[in-house]
Amino acid sequence: MSEPRRDLRPGPEEHRLQGHWLLAKMGKRVLRPGGIEMTQRLLSAAAPSTTDRIVEFGPGVGRTAEHLLAVNPVSYTAVDPNPEGAPALAEVMAPYPQAQKVTADAAETGLEDGCADLVVGEAMLTMQSPAGKAAIVAEAARILAPGGRYLVHELGFHPDNLPAEVVKEVQKGLSRSIKVGARPLTEQEWRKLLESAGLEVEFVWTNAMALLEPKRMIQDEGLGGFLKFVKNMVTNPAGRKRVLGMRKVFRANREYLNAIGLVARKL
């Protein structure tokens, strides 16, 4: 992914930040639509192990990296062009000498063919154009060794037969709220995207899109993390306004949105 354009307009930074970085600034660490529950389900299906060479696209602040590194894999490579989450990620990787970060676009990692047994990408394909999605999935397939697994955790549309006008309106509302293009896909479309790169989908799981609901936030962040987030909401009016606006859009469209995770294997 290319580095986000810096907005030089005056006013609080909170007015300009992309949604995921705003939430990180407010103290949220789990920035995935299906929450830590979905990440854990997907990791259980993908079964990372000590014999794996793992590559993670867009690791953000390193919340999933904690789980991946906990199995003590052969290697862990984070691929991310953005600096925002780098300090937190570096702290997570510090105890593991086999961990490294590559500053590169997920569509062009510069890594060798077949260098990974497991590729993980969460909450990043949704923000890409159709061509961008295809390029990243093709890159994941290229760097996977035969039999390797690709784990994705994204925002989905449901049901599969949503009218085009509904899709367009929801996309528009999401993009305005989070200040980055949001293009969720239906389960059928996510499957087709992975299969078009020569991957075979082995596991699919869906969850409610409840990223900013109190119950999910306590589950994801723990009570202490949730209270820290609430404190930041109280003391940061600009951030509070943006977060509440995002939650309003999520709630307004919850009948059409879900979180979807898939694990696919390279044939």
C-alpha atoms as a PDB file:
ATOM      1  CA  MET A   1       0.000   0.000   0.000  1.00  0.00           C
ATOM      2  CA  SER A   2       1.262   3.456  -0.792  1.00  0.00           C
ATOM      3  CA  GLU A   3       1.856   5.882   2.052  1.00  0.00           C
ATOM      4  CA  PRO A   4      -1.259   7.946   2.822  1.00  0.00           C
ATOM      5  CA  ARG A   5      -1.243  11.519   1.573  1.00  0.00           C
ATOM      6  CA  ARG A   6      -0.645  14.077   4.294  1.00  0.00           C
ATOM      7  CA  ASP A   7      -3.433  16.596   4.680  1.00  0.00           C
ATOM      8  CA  LEU A   8      -1.978  20.009   5.470  1.00  0.00           C
ATOM      9  CA  ARG A   9      -5.273  21.745   6.212  1.00  0.00           C
ATOM     10  CA  PRO A  10      -5.454  23.574   9.564  1.00  0.00           C
ATOM     11  CA  GLY A  11      -7.354  22.191  12.519  1.00  0.00           C
ATOM     12  CA  PRO A  12      -7.013  19.214  14.851  1.00  0.00           C
ATOM     13  CA  GLU A  13      -5.232  16.164  13.473  1.00  0.00           C
ATOM     14  CA  GLU A  14      -8.241  14.097  14.511  1.00  0.00           C
ATOM     15  CA  HIS A  15     -10.271  15.716  11.712  1.00  0.00           C
ATOM     16  CA  ARG A  16      -7.903  14.329   9.064  1.00  0.00           C
ATOM     17  CA  LEU A  17      -6.627  10.971  10.300  1.00  0.00           C
ATOM     18  CA  GLN A  18      -7.785   7.812   8.571  1.00  0.00           C
ATOM     19  CA  GLY A  19     -10.218   5.964  10.796  1.00  0.00           C
ATOM     20  CA  HIS A  20      -7.922   3.155  11.931  1.00  0.00           C
ATOM     21  CA  TRP A  21      -5.122   5.552  12.912  1.00  0.00           C
ATOM     22  CA  LEU A  22      -7.605   7.792  14.724  1.00  0.00           C
ATOM     23  CA  LEU A  23      -8.788   4.800  16.761  1.00  0.00           C
ATOM     24  CA  ALA A  24      -5.180   3.850  17.500  1.00  0.00           C
ATOM     25  CA  LYS A  25      -4.488   7.396  18.693  1.00  0.00           C
ATOM     26  CA  MET A  26      -7.511   7.156  20.976  1.00  0.00           C
ATOM     27  CA  GLY A  27      -6.055   4.012  22.530  1.00  0.00           C
ATOM     28  CA  LYS A  28      -7.617   1.168  20.554  1.00  0.00           C
ATOM     29  CA  ARG A  29      -5.249  -1.703  19.756  1.00  0.00           C
ATOM     30  CA  VAL A  30      -7.577  -4.177  18.042  1.00  0.00           C
ATOM     31  CA  LEU A  31      -8.362  -2.505  14.725  1.00  0.00           C
ATOM     32  CA  ARG A  32      -9.986  -5.460  12.968  1.00  0.00           C
ATOM     33  CA  PRO A  33     -13.710  -5.492  12.059  1.00  0.00           C
ATOM     34  CA  GLY A  34     -14.406  -8.914  13.577  1.00  0.00           C
ATOM     35  CA  GLY A  35     -12.447  -8.227  16.744  1.00  0.00           C
ATOM     36  CA  ILE A  36      -9.925 -10.389  18.547  1.00  0.00           C
ATOM     37  CA  GLU A  37     -12.469 -13.228  18.559  1.00  0.00           C
ATOM     38  CA  MET A  38     -12.318 -13.488  14.765  1.00  0.00           C
ATOM     39  CA  THR A  39      -8.534 -13.177  14.677  1.00  0.00           C
ATOM     40  CA  GLN A  40      -8.244 -16.034  17.154  1.00  0.00           C
ATOM     41  CA  ARG A  41     -10.688 -18.199  15.182  1.00  0.00           C
ATOM     42  CA  LEU A  42      -8.732 -17.592  11.988  1.00  0.00           C
ATOM     43  CA  LEU A  43      -5.404 -18.287  13.656  1.00  0.00           C
ATOM     44  CA  SER A  44      -6.799 -21.526  14.998  1.00  0.00           C
ATOM     45  CA  ALA A  45      -7.775 -22.510  11.446  1.00  0.00           C
ATOM     46  CA  ALA A  46      -4.451 -21.403   9.947  1.00  0.00           C
ATOM     47  CA  ALA A  47      -2.490 -23.057  12.782  1.00  0.00           C
ATOM     48  CA  PRO A  48       0.785 -21.075  12.813  1.00  0.00           C
ATOM     49  CA  SER A  49       3.654 -23.149  14.193  1.00  0.00           C
ATOM     50  CA  THR A  50       7.341 -23.176  15.049  1.00  0.00           C
ATOM     51  CA  THR A  51       8.154 -24.443  11.535  1.00  0.00           C
ATOM     52  CA  ASP A  52       6.446 -21.556   9.737  1.00  0.00           C
ATOM     53  CA  ARG A  53       7.953 -18.592   7.960  1.00  0.00           C
ATOM     54  CA  ILE A  54       5.309 -15.918   8.548  1.00  0.00           C
ATOM     55  CA  VAL A  55       4.706 -12.698   6.625  1.00  0.00           C
ATOM     56  CA  GLU A  56       2.145 -10.168   7.849  1.00  0.00           C
ATOM     57  CA  PHE A  57       0.828  -7.438   5.573  1.00  0.00           C
ATOM     58  CA  GLY A  58      -0.118  -4.189   7.327  1.00  0.00           C
ATOM     59  CA  PRO A  59       0.530  -5.251  10.941  1.00  0.00           C
ATOM     60  CA  GLY A  60      -0.469  -1.857  12.350  1.00  0.00           C
ATOM     61  CA  VAL A  61       0.351  -1.632  16.051  1.00  0.00           C
ATOM     62  CA  GLY A  62       1.253  -5.322  16.262  1.00  0.00           C
ATOM     63  CA  ARG A  63      -1.762  -6.820  18.031  1.00  0.00           C
ATOM     64  CA  THR A  64      -1.915  -9.879  15.753  1.00  0.00           C
ATOM     65  CA  ALA A  65       1.891 -10.003  15.604  1.00  0.00           C
ATOM     66  CA  GLU A  66       1.830 -10.793  19.331  1.00  0.00           C
ATOM     67  CA  HIS A  67      -0.102 -13.994  18.612  1.00  0.00           C
ATOM     68  CA  LEU A  68       2.015 -14.915  15.589  1.00  0.00           C
ATOM     69  CA  LEU A  69       5.302 -14.425  17.405  1.00  0.00           C
ATOM     70  CA  ALA A  70       4.083 -16.271  20.486  1.00  0.00           C
ATOM     71  CA  VAL A  71       4.397 -19.564  18.574  1.00  0.00           C
ATOM     72  CA  ASN A  72       8.109 -18.753  18.006  1.00  0.00           C
ATOM     73  CA  PRO A  73       8.094 -19.233  14.212  1.00  0.00           C
ATOM     74  CA  VAL A  74      11.199 -19.715  12.071  1.00  0.00           C
ATOM     75  CA  SER A  75      10.798 -16.122  10.916  1.00  0.00           C
ATOM     76  CA  TYR A  76       8.338 -13.250  11.045  1.00  0.00           C
ATOM     77  CA  THR A  77       8.363 -10.429   8.493  1.00  0.00           C
ATOM     78  CA  ALA A  78       6.095  -7.407   8.817  1.00  0.00           C
ATOM     79  CA  VAL A  79       5.411  -5.588   5.551  1.00  0.00           C
ATOM     80  CA  ASP A  80       4.132  -2.035   6.009  1.00  0.00           C
ATOM     81  CA  PRO A  81       4.932   1.255   4.236  1.00  0.00           C
ATOM     82  CA  ASN A  82       3.319   3.398   6.924  1.00  0.00           C
ATOM     83  CA  PRO A  83       5.150   4.820   9.952  1.00  0.00           C
ATOM     84  CA  GLU A  84       2.176   5.306  12.263  1.00  0.00           C
ATOM     85  CA  GLY A  85       2.239   1.935  14.015  1.00  0.00           C
ATOM     86  CA  ALA A  86       6.003   1.393  13.817  1.00  0.00           C
ATOM     87  CA  PRO A  87       6.943   2.197  17.458  1.00  0.00           C
ATOM     88  CA  ALA A  88       4.319  -0.144  18.923  1.00  0.00           C
ATOM     89  CA  LEU A  89       5.186  -2.876  16.417  1.00  0.00           C
ATOM     90  CA  ALA A  90       8.905  -2.559  17.167  1.00  0.00           C
ATOM     91  CA  GLU A  91       8.167  -3.082  20.865  1.00  0.00           C
ATOM     92  CA  VAL A  92       6.231  -6.259  20.078  1.00  0.00           C
ATOM     93  CA  MET A  93       9.020  -7.615  17.854  1.00  0.00           C
ATOM     94  CA  ALA A  94      11.913  -6.668  20.139  1.00  0.00           C
ATOM     95  CA  PRO A  95      12.138  -9.982  22.080  1.00  0.00           C
ATOM     96  CA  TYR A  96      12.250 -12.025  18.861  1.00  0.00           C
ATOM     97  CA  PRO A  97      15.523 -11.957  16.896  1.00  0.00           C
ATOM     98  CA  GLN A  98      13.850 -13.701  13.944  1.00  0.00           C
ATOM     99  CA  ALA A  99      11.411 -10.791  13.481  1.00  0.00           C
ATOM    100  CA  GLN A 100      11.965  -7.991  10.987  1.00  0.00           C
ATOM    101  CA  LYS A 101      10.020  -5.178   9.335  1.00  0.00           C
ATOM    102  CA  VAL A 102      10.181  -4.412   5.620  1.00  0.00           C
ATOM    103  CA  THR A 103       9.040  -0.968   4.524  1.00  0.00           C
ATOM    104  CA  ALA A 104       7.229  -1.854   1.324  1.00  0.00           C
ATOM    105  CA  ASP A 105       3.851  -1.960  -0.357  1.00  0.00           C
ATOM    106  CA  ALA A 106       1.887  -5.179   0.150  1.00  0.00           C
ATOM    107  CA  ALA A 107       1.439  -5.398  -3.629  1.00  0.00           C
ATOM    108  CA  GLU A 108       5.214  -5.240  -4.166  1.00  0.00           C
ATOM    109  CA  THR A 109       6.963  -6.629  -1.112  1.00  0.00           C
ATOM    110  CA  GLY A 110      10.327  -7.335  -2.746  1.00  0.00           C
ATOM    111  CA  LEU A 111      10.363 -10.710  -0.974  1.00  0.00           C
ATOM    112  CA  GLU A 112      11.457 -13.886  -2.741  1.00  0.00           C
ATOM    113  CA  ASP A 113       9.072 -16.330  -4.411  1.00  0.00           C
ATOM    114  CA  GLY A 114       7.873 -19.045  -2.057  1.00  0.00           C
ATOM    115  CA  CYS A 115       9.490 -17.501   1.026  1.00  0.00           C
ATOM    116  CA  ALA A 116       6.446 -17.830   3.313  1.00  0.00           C
ATOM    117  CA  ASP A 117       4.370 -20.650   4.769  1.00  0.00           C
ATOM    118  CA  LEU A 118       1.736 -18.305   6.183  1.00  0.00           C
ATOM    119  CA  VAL A 119       0.720 -14.844   4.999  1.00  0.00           C
ATOM    120  CA  VAL A 120      -1.611 -12.788   7.213  1.00  0.00           C
ATOM    121  CA  GLY A 121      -3.472  -9.655   6.155  1.00  0.00           C
ATOM    122  CA  GLU A 122      -6.214  -8.022   8.194  1.00  0.00           C
ATOM    123  CA  ALA A 123      -8.355  -4.933   7.574  1.00  0.00           C
ATOM    124  CA  MET A 124      -6.351  -3.787   4.571  1.00  0.00           C
ATOM    125  CA  LEU A 125      -7.832  -5.303   1.405  1.00  0.00           C
ATOM    126  CA  THR A 126     -11.172  -3.585   2.073  1.00  0.00           C
ATOM    127  CA  MET A 127      -9.500  -0.197   1.580  1.00  0.00           C
ATOM    128  CA  GLN A 128      -8.134  -1.104  -1.861  1.00  0.00           C
ATOM    129  CA  SER A 129      -9.613  -0.675  -5.327  1.00  0.00           C
ATOM    130  CA  PRO A 130     -10.503  -3.871  -7.244  1.00  0.00           C
ATOM    131  CA  ALA A 131      -7.116  -3.711  -8.992  1.00  0.00           C
ATOM    132  CA  GLY A 132      -5.356  -3.083  -5.680  1.00  0.00           C
ATOM    133  CA  LYS A 133      -7.081  -6.049  -4.050  1.00  0.00           C
ATOM    134  CA  ALA A 134      -6.089  -8.326  -6.930  1.00  0.00           C
ATOM    135  CA  ALA A 135      -2.467  -7.138  -6.835  1.00  0.00           C
ATOM    136  CA  ILE A 136      -2.086  -7.782  -3.102  1.00  0.00           C
ATOM    137  CA  VAL A 137      -3.694 -11.221  -3.263  1.00  0.00           C
ATOM    138  CA  ALA A 138      -1.474 -12.115  -6.231  1.00  0.00           C
ATOM    139  CA  GLU A 139       1.583 -11.003  -4.241  1.00  0.00           C
ATOM    140  CA  ALA A 140       0.516 -13.155  -1.298  1.00  0.00           C
ATOM    141  CA  ALA A 141       0.159 -16.128  -3.621  1.00  0.00           C
ATOM    142  CA  ARG A 142       3.581 -15.434  -5.178  1.00  0.00           C
ATOM    143  CA  ILE A 143       5.474 -15.392  -1.895  1.00  0.00           C
ATOM    144  CA  LEU A 144       3.644 -18.439  -0.494  1.00  0.00           C
ATOM    145  CA  ALA A 145       5.318 -21.816  -0.809  1.00  0.00           C
ATOM    146  CA  PRO A 146       3.122 -24.609  -2.205  1.00  0.00           C
ATOM    147  CA  GLY A 147       0.698 -25.664   0.502  1.00  0.00           C
ATOM    148  CA  GLY A 148       1.113 -22.331   2.294  1.00  0.00           C
ATOM    149  CA  ARG A 149      -1.858 -20.548   3.864  1.00  0.00           C
ATOM    150  CA  TYR A 150      -3.224 -17.041   3.398  1.00  0.00           C
ATOM    151  CA  LEU A 151      -5.346 -15.592   6.219  1.00  0.00           C
ATOM    152  CA  VAL A 152      -7.529 -12.568   5.523  1.00  0.00           C
ATOM    153  CA  HIS A 153      -9.824 -10.700   7.916  1.00  0.00           C
ATOM    154  CA  GLU A 154     -11.915  -8.001   6.281  1.00  0.00           C
ATOM    155  CA  LEU A 155     -15.168  -6.080   6.120  1.00  0.00           C
ATOM    156  CA  GLY A 156     -17.962  -7.818   4.247  1.00  0.00           C
ATOM    157  CA  PHE A 157     -21.305  -7.144   2.645  1.00  0.00           C
ATOM    158  CA  HIS A 158     -24.226  -9.484   3.154  1.00  0.00           C
ATOM    159  CA  PRO A 159     -26.297 -11.009   1.716  1.00  0.00           C
ATOM    160  CA  ASP A 160     -24.572 -11.840  -1.569  1.00  0.00           C
ATOM    161  CA  ASN A 161     -27.394 -10.343  -3.651  1.00  0.00           C
ATOM    162  CA  LEU A 162     -27.408  -6.797  -2.252  1.00  0.00           C
ATOM    163  CA  PRO A 163     -28.691  -4.254  -4.813  1.00  0.00           C
ATOM    164  CA  ALA A 164     -25.937  -2.202  -6.454  1.00  0.00           C
ATOM    165  CA  GLU A 165     -27.450   1.063  -5.260  1.00  0.00           C
ATOM    166  CA  VAL A 166     -27.307  -0.103  -1.627  1.00  0.00           C
ATOM    167  CA  VAL A 167     -23.671  -1.136  -2.024  1.00  0.00           C
ATOM    168  CA  LYS A 168     -22.823   2.259  -3.504  1.00  0.00           C
ATOM    169  CA  GLU A 169     -24.512   4.211  -0.726  1.00  0.00           C
ATOM    170  CA  VAL A 170     -22.936   2.173   2.063  1.00  0.00           C
ATOM    171  CA  GLN A 171     -19.491   2.510   0.476  1.00  0.00           C
ATOM    172  CA  LYS A 172     -19.952   6.263   0.222  1.00  0.00           C
ATOM    173  CA  GLY A 173     -20.985   6.608   3.860  1.00  0.00           C
ATOM    174  CA  LEU A 174     -18.140   4.440   5.119  1.00  0.00           C
ATOM    175  CA  SER A 175     -15.518   6.230   3.042  1.00  0.00           C
ATOM    176  CA  ARG A 176     -16.621   9.660   4.232  1.00  0.00           C
ATOM    177  CA  SER A 177     -16.609   8.539   7.848  1.00  0.00           C
ATOM    178  CA  ILE A 178     -13.236   6.794   7.950  1.00  0.00           C
ATOM    179  CA  LYS A 179     -11.600   9.121   5.397  1.00  0.00           C
ATOM    180  CA  VAL A 180     -10.306   6.344   3.171  1.00  0.00           C
ATOM    181  CA  GLY A 181     -11.995   4.440   0.363  1.00  0.00           C
ATOM    182  CA  ALA A 182     -13.905   1.463   1.763  1.00  0.00           C
ATOM    183  CA  ARG A 183     -14.932  -1.289  -0.650  1.00  0.00           C
ATOM    184  CA  PRO A 184     -16.181  -4.370   1.240  1.00  0.00           C
ATOM    185  CA  LEU A 185     -17.053  -7.520  -0.716  1.00  0.00           C
ATOM    186  CA  THR A 186     -19.630 -10.246  -0.239  1.00  0.00           C
ATOM    187  CA  GLU A 187     -18.490 -13.717   0.826  1.00  0.00           C
ATOM    188  CA  GLN A 188     -18.884 -14.911  -2.762  1.00  0.00           C
ATOM    189  CA  GLU A 189     -16.730 -12.039  -4.019  1.00  0.00           C
ATOM    190  CA  TRP A 190     -14.011 -12.598  -1.392  1.00  0.00           C
ATOM    191  CA  ARG A 191     -13.896 -16.269  -2.344  1.00  0.00           C
ATOM    192  CA  LYS A 192     -13.639 -15.451  -6.041  1.00  0.00           C
ATOM    193  CA  LEU A 193     -10.816 -12.974  -5.391  1.00  0.00           C
ATOM    194  CA  LEU A 194      -8.725 -15.587  -3.590  1.00  0.00           C
ATOM    195  CA  GLU A 195      -9.524 -18.368  -6.033  1.00  0.00           C
ATOM    196  CA  SER A 196      -8.525 -16.182  -8.985  1.00  0.00           C
ATOM    197  CA  ALA A 197      -4.959 -16.178  -7.592  1.00  0.00           C
ATOM    198  CA  GLY A 198      -4.786 -19.960  -7.445  1.00  0.00           C
ATOM    199  CA  LEU A 199      -5.785 -20.287  -3.799  1.00  0.00           C
ATOM    200  CA  GLU A 200      -8.289 -22.745  -2.401  1.00  0.00           C
ATOM    201  CA  VAL A 201     -10.550 -21.441   0.388  1.00  0.00           C
ATOM    202  CA  GLU A 202     -10.595 -23.896   3.286  1.00  0.00           C
ATOM    203  CA  PHE A 203     -12.230 -21.934   6.099  1.00  0.00           C
ATOM    204  CA  VAL A 204     -14.729 -19.057   6.309  1.00  0.00           C
ATOM    205  CA  TRP A 205     -16.091 -17.413   9.440  1.00  0.00           C
ATOM    206  CA  THR A 206     -18.232 -14.311   9.880  1.00  0.00           C
ATOM    207  CA  ASN A 207     -18.919 -12.076  12.841  1.00  0.00           C
ATOM    208  CA  ALA A 208     -20.940  -8.957  13.529  1.00  0.00           C
ATOM    209  CA  MET A 209     -19.352  -5.651  12.586  1.00  0.00           C
ATOM    210  CA  ALA A 210     -19.348  -4.273  16.141  1.00  0.00           C
ATOM    211  CA  LEU A 211     -15.935  -2.604  16.261  1.00  0.00           C
ATOM    212  CA  LEU A 212     -17.064   0.373  18.362  1.00  0.00           C
ATOM    213  CA  GLU A 213     -19.739  -1.270  20.506  1.00  0.00           C
ATOM    214  CA  PRO A 214     -18.904  -1.348  24.253  1.00  0.00           C
ATOM    215  CA  LYS A 215     -19.277  -5.132  24.633  1.00  0.00           C
ATOM    216  CA  ARG A 216     -16.899  -5.823  21.727  1.00  0.00           C
ATOM    217  CA  MET A 217     -14.451  -3.160  22.876  1.00  0.00           C
ATOM    218  CA  ILE A 218     -14.218  -4.662  26.367  1.00  0.00           C
ATOM    219  CA  GLN A 219     -13.712  -8.081  24.790  1.00  0.00           C
ATOM    220  CA  ASP A 220     -10.990  -6.716  22.485  1.00  0.00           C
ATOM    221  CA  GLU A 221      -9.193  -4.268  24.767  1.00  0.00           C
ATOM    222  CA  GLY A 222      -9.928  -5.572  28.236  1.00  0.00           C
ATOM    223  CA  LEU A 223     -11.692  -3.434  30.826  1.00  0.00           C
ATOM    224  CA  GLY A 224      -8.595  -1.313  31.462  1.00  0.00           C
ATOM    225  CA  GLY A 225      -8.059  -0.628  27.775  1.00  0.00           C
ATOM    226  CA  PHE A 226     -11.725   0.211  27.325  1.00  0.00           C
ATOM    227  CA  LEU A 227     -11.651   2.681  30.231  1.00  0.00           C
ATOM    228  CA  LYS A 228      -8.519   4.295  28.773  1.00  0.00           C
ATOM    229  CA  PHE A 229     -10.363   4.724  25.478  1.00  0.00           C
ATOM    230  CA  VAL A 230     -13.365   6.258  27.258  1.00  0.00           C
ATOM    231  CA  LYS A 231     -11.068   8.665  29.114  1.00  0.00           C
ATOM    232  CA  ASN A 232      -9.528   9.746  25.818  1.00  0.00           C
ATOM    233  CA  MET A 233     -13.007  10.248  24.380  1.00  0.00           C
ATOM    234  CA  VAL A 234     -13.847  12.565  27.293  1.00  0.00           C
ATOM    235  CA  THR A 235     -10.647  14.597  27.066  1.00  0.00           C
ATOM    236  CA  ASN A 236     -10.377  14.787  23.260  1.00  0.00           C
ATOM    237  CA  PRO A 237     -13.486  16.478  21.808  1.00  0.00           C
ATOM    238  CA  ALA A 238     -12.281  16.345  18.195  1.00  0.00           C
ATOM    239  CA  GLY A 239     -11.489  12.653  18.482  1.00  0.00           C
ATOM    240  CA  ARG A 240     -14.780  11.980  20.254  1.00  0.00           C
ATOM    241  CA  LYS A 241     -16.764  13.631  17.475  1.00  0.00           C
ATOM    242  CA  ARG A 242     -15.052  11.537  14.790  1.00  0.00           C
ATOM    243  CA  VAL A 243     -15.397   8.258  16.688  1.00  0.00           C
ATOM    244  CA  LEU A 244     -19.081   8.828  17.413  1.00  0.00           C
ATOM    245  CA  GLY A 245     -19.608   9.717  13.754  1.00  0.00           C
ATOM    246  CA  MET A 246     -17.951   6.477  12.667  1.00  0.00           C
ATOM    247  CA  ARG A 247     -20.045   4.452  15.099  1.00  0.00           C
ATOM    248  CA  LYS A 248     -23.200   6.122  13.814  1.00  0.00           C
ATOM    249  CA  VAL A 249     -22.375   5.054  10.251  1.00  0.00           C
ATOM    250  CA  PHE A 250     -21.530   1.505  11.341  1.00  0.00           C
ATOM    251  CA  ARG A 251     -24.818   1.226  13.228  1.00  0.00           C
ATOM    252  CA  ALA A 252     -26.856   2.705  10.384  1.00  0.00           C
ATOM    253  CA  ASN A 253     -25.526   0.068   7.999  1.00  0.00           C
ATOM    254  CA  ARG A 254     -25.236  -2.949  10.284  1.00  0.00           C
ATOM    255  CA  GLU A 255     -27.909  -4.902   8.400  1.00  0.00           C
ATOM    256  CA  TYR A 256     -25.613  -4.870   5.350  1.00  0.00           C
ATOM    257  CA  LEU A 257     -22.169  -5.138   6.955  1.00  0.00           C
ATOM    258  CA  ASN A 258     -20.331  -7.932   8.696  1.00  0.00           C
ATOM    259  CA  ALA A 259     -16.791  -9.028   9.366  1.00  0.00           C
ATOM    260  CA  ILE A 260     -15.520 -11.940   7.326  1.00  0.00           C
ATOM    261  CA  GLY A 261     -12.424 -14.067   7.644  1.00  0.00           C
ATOM    262  CA  LEU A 262     -11.072 -16.655   5.242  1.00  0.00           C
ATOM    263  CA  VAL A 263      -8.128 -19.020   5.231  1.00  0.00           C
ATOM    264  CA  ALA A 264      -6.998 -20.207   1.788  1.00  0.00           C
ATOM    265  CA  ARG A 265      -4.238 -22.576   0.724  1.00  0.00           C
ATOM    266  CA  LYS A 266      -1.897 -22.292  -2.236  1.00  0.00           C
ATOM    267  CA  LEU A 267      -2.418 -25.248  -4.539  1.00  0.00           C
END
